Amino acid sequence: MGSETRTSARAAAEQALAEVYHASYRRLVTQLYAFTTDMTEAQDVVQEAFARALARPQALKDVDAPEAWLRTVAVNLVRRRWRRRQVLTTILRKERPVQQLVAEAPGPERSDLRDAMATLPRVFREVIVLHYLADLPVDEVAGILDVPVGTVKSRLSRGRAALAARLAGYPTEVAHAGP
């Protein structure tokens, strides 16, 4: 393949990625924000997912569902960051005494749902965000998180129950369509 052809193919791949960016960036950030409860981290991991797509020779040309690929990359980045923080926290606790930190009062941008989601264990928050906010089927959530379908269903049920306990007026049973 000639230099001009490669340059043209790369430009076309970058243009396609730019279109995916404009179509899905906000949605991905919203989903990752609900997942992480930290807007800055959500924006960072979505940007990093796009950067990784851009670093690929064909960008996302060979990917059937670019938004799903980007979401999976972003979720994996978050999970990797959480594991690293956990290791760092463990190391720091061993090296110096635990200090109590005082958090700032919540700002007006925080909602009841966001606060309730923040109190959920990470494993519940992951499945709730991917299933309800990203609108992914249970089997796809299981694939992204690399856990059995039954585990996803159990975590969804427990996560909903935990949210119901924290949110007034939240229905305790999920309505199912059909007969």
Protein backbone atom coordinates (compact mmCIF):
# COMPACT_ATOMS: atom_id res chain seq x y z
CA MET A 1 0.00 0.00 0.00
CA GLY A 2 1.40 3.39 -0.97
CA SER A 3 2.06 6.26 1.38
CA GLU A 4 -0.82 8.32 -0.02
CA THR A 5 -3.23 5.40 0.30
CA ARG A 6 -2.20 4.82 3.93
CA THR A 7 -2.59 8.52 4.68
CA SER A 8 -6.01 8.56 3.05
CA ALA A 9 -7.12 5.42 4.93
CA ARG A 10 -5.87 6.89 8.22
CA ALA A 11 -7.73 10.15 7.56
CA ALA A 12 -10.94 8.22 6.82
CA ALA A 13 -10.53 6.20 10.04
CA GLU A 14 -9.96 9.38 12.05
CA GLN A 15 -13.04 10.99 10.47
CA ALA A 16 -15.13 7.93 11.38
CA LEU A 17 -13.80 8.09 14.94
CA ALA A 18 -14.66 11.80 15.12
CA GLU A 19 -18.23 10.94 14.13
CA VAL A 20 -18.42 8.27 16.85
CA TYR A 21 -17.00 10.79 19.31
CA HIS A 22 -19.67 13.37 18.53
CA ALA A 23 -22.45 10.78 18.60
CA SER A 24 -21.51 8.97 21.81
CA TYR A 25 -19.13 11.02 24.00
CA ARG A 26 -21.82 12.54 26.25
CA ARG A 27 -23.64 9.24 26.63
CA LEU A 28 -20.43 7.43 27.57
CA VAL A 29 -19.42 10.11 30.07
CA THR A 30 -22.88 9.97 31.65
CA GLN A 31 -22.69 6.20 31.98
CA LEU A 32 -19.17 6.28 33.40
CA TYR A 33 -20.12 9.11 35.76
CA ALA A 34 -22.88 6.95 37.19
CA PHE A 35 -20.39 4.10 37.36
CA THR A 36 -17.65 6.08 39.13
CA THR A 37 -19.66 8.90 40.77
CA ASP A 38 -16.77 11.19 39.79
CA MET A 39 -17.26 13.41 36.73
CA THR A 40 -13.56 14.11 36.26
CA GLU A 41 -12.68 10.43 36.34
CA ALA A 42 -15.54 9.63 33.96
CA GLN A 43 -14.33 12.23 31.47
CA ASP A 44 -10.73 11.03 31.84
CA VAL A 45 -11.47 7.37 31.14
CA VAL A 46 -13.75 8.14 28.19
CA GLN A 47 -11.06 10.41 26.72
CA GLU A 48 -8.47 7.69 27.28
CA ALA A 49 -10.72 5.13 25.57
CA PHE A 50 -10.97 7.42 22.53
CA ALA A 51 -7.20 7.97 22.62
CA ARG A 52 -6.68 4.21 22.57
CA ALA A 53 -9.05 3.91 19.63
CA LEU A 54 -7.13 6.64 17.83
CA ALA A 55 -3.84 4.83 18.49
CA ARG A 56 -5.10 1.76 16.64
CA PRO A 57 -3.95 1.64 13.00
CA GLN A 58 -7.50 1.41 11.66
CA ALA A 59 -9.07 3.27 14.62
CA LEU A 60 -12.47 1.56 15.05
CA LYS A 61 -12.94 0.56 11.41
CA ASP A 62 -12.75 -3.16 12.27
CA VAL A 63 -15.09 -2.90 15.29
CA ASP A 64 -18.77 -3.80 14.79
CA ALA A 65 -20.07 -1.71 17.72
CA PRO A 66 -17.66 1.18 18.36
CA GLU A 67 -19.60 2.65 21.30
CA ALA A 68 -19.72 -0.73 23.04
CA TRP A 69 -15.98 -1.19 22.43
CA LEU A 70 -15.26 2.26 23.88
CA ARG A 71 -17.52 1.58 26.89
CA THR A 72 -15.75 -1.70 27.59
CA VAL A 73 -12.34 -0.03 27.37
CA ALA A 74 -13.48 2.78 29.68
CA VAL A 75 -14.98 0.38 32.24
CA ASN A 76 -11.79 -1.68 32.22
CA LEU A 77 -9.74 1.49 32.74
CA VAL A 78 -11.87 2.44 35.75
CA ARG A 79 -11.59 -1.02 37.23
CA ARG A 80 -7.79 -0.98 36.75
CA ARG A 81 -7.61 2.42 38.46
CA TRP A 82 -9.71 1.16 41.36
CA ARG A 83 -7.42 -1.86 41.80
CA ARG A 84 -4.35 0.39 41.78
CA ARG A 85 -5.92 2.75 44.34
CA GLN A 86 -6.78 -0.20 46.54
CA VAL A 87 -3.17 -1.38 46.48
CA LEU A 88 -1.91 2.14 47.17
CA THR A 89 -4.35 2.59 50.04
CA THR A 90 -3.23 -0.71 51.56
CA ILE A 91 0.42 0.32 51.30
CA LEU A 92 -0.23 3.77 52.79
CA ARG A 93 -2.19 2.35 55.71
CA LYS A 94 0.72 0.09 56.57
CA GLU A 95 3.24 2.93 56.43
CA ARG A 96 1.41 5.57 58.47
CA PRO A 97 -1.52 5.81 60.85
CA VAL A 98 -4.98 6.26 59.43
CA GLN A 99 -6.07 9.88 59.46
CA GLN A 100 -9.69 10.88 59.43
CA LEU A 101 -10.46 13.06 56.44
CA VAL A 102 -13.30 15.55 56.43
CA ALA A 103 -15.15 15.69 53.13
CA GLU A 104 -16.61 18.92 51.81
CA ALA A 105 -20.36 19.33 51.95
CA PRO A 106 -22.11 18.07 48.83
CA GLY A 107 -22.75 20.69 46.18
CA PRO A 108 -26.08 21.35 44.48
CA GLU A 109 -25.09 19.25 41.44
CA ARG A 110 -25.37 16.06 43.49
CA SER A 111 -28.71 14.33 43.38
CA ASP A 112 -30.29 11.77 45.67
CA LEU A 113 -29.71 9.02 43.12
CA ARG A 114 -26.06 9.98 42.70
CA ASP A 115 -25.60 9.97 46.48
CA ALA A 116 -27.38 6.64 46.82
CA MET A 117 -25.32 5.14 43.98
CA ALA A 118 -22.13 6.35 45.67
CA THR A 119 -22.99 4.33 48.79
CA LEU A 120 -23.47 1.09 46.87
CA PRO A 121 -20.66 -1.43 46.74
CA ARG A 122 -18.75 -1.14 43.45
CA VAL A 123 -19.98 -4.52 42.16
CA PHE A 124 -23.63 -3.42 42.48
CA ARG A 125 -22.95 0.00 40.95
CA GLU A 126 -21.20 -1.61 37.96
CA VAL A 127 -24.12 -3.81 36.99
CA ILE A 128 -26.76 -1.14 37.63
CA VAL A 129 -24.96 1.39 35.44
CA LEU A 130 -24.27 -1.03 32.62
CA HIS A 131 -27.75 -2.58 32.64
CA TYR A 132 -29.98 0.41 33.34
CA LEU A 133 -28.00 3.44 32.19
CA ALA A 134 -26.10 1.87 29.31
CA ASP A 135 -29.18 -0.23 28.49
CA LEU A 136 -27.17 -3.40 28.02
CA PRO A 137 -28.72 -6.86 28.31
CA VAL A 138 -27.70 -8.97 31.29
CA ASP A 139 -25.60 -11.35 29.19
CA GLU A 140 -23.61 -8.45 27.70
CA VAL A 141 -23.02 -6.99 31.18
CA ALA A 142 -21.77 -10.41 32.26
CA GLY A 143 -19.38 -10.46 29.31
CA ILE A 144 -18.00 -6.97 30.01
CA LEU A 145 -17.46 -7.70 33.70
CA ASP A 146 -16.33 -11.27 33.07
CA VAL A 147 -18.78 -12.79 35.57
CA PRO A 148 -21.60 -15.36 35.16
CA VAL A 149 -25.07 -14.15 34.12
CA GLY A 150 -26.49 -15.37 37.43
CA THR A 151 -24.02 -13.16 39.28
CA VAL A 152 -25.17 -10.13 37.29
CA LYS A 153 -28.82 -10.93 38.06
CA SER A 154 -28.05 -11.35 41.75
CA ARG A 155 -26.10 -8.09 41.89
CA LEU A 156 -28.90 -6.26 40.07
CA SER A 157 -31.44 -7.55 42.56
CA ARG A 158 -29.29 -6.67 45.57
CA GLY A 159 -28.37 -3.30 44.09
CA ARG A 160 -32.02 -2.40 43.51
CA ALA A 161 -32.85 -3.44 47.08
CA ALA A 162 -30.00 -1.30 48.42
CA LEU A 163 -31.18 1.68 46.36
CA ALA A 164 -34.76 1.16 47.57
CA ALA A 165 -33.53 1.36 51.16
CA ARG A 166 -31.74 4.64 50.43
CA LEU A 167 -34.30 6.38 48.21
CA ALA A 168 -37.77 7.27 49.43
CA GLY A 169 -40.48 6.31 46.96
CA TYR A 170 -38.28 3.97 44.95
CA PRO A 171 -40.29 0.89 43.86
CA THR A 172 -39.06 -2.28 45.50
CA GLU A 173 -40.19 -4.48 42.63
CA VAL A 174 -39.31 -3.98 39.00
CA ALA A 175 -42.28 -4.10 36.65
CA HIS A 176 -41.85 -6.62 33.85
CA ALA A 177 -43.51 -6.29 30.48
CA GLY A 178 -45.46 -9.19 29.09
CA PRO A 179 -48.19 -11.54 30.26
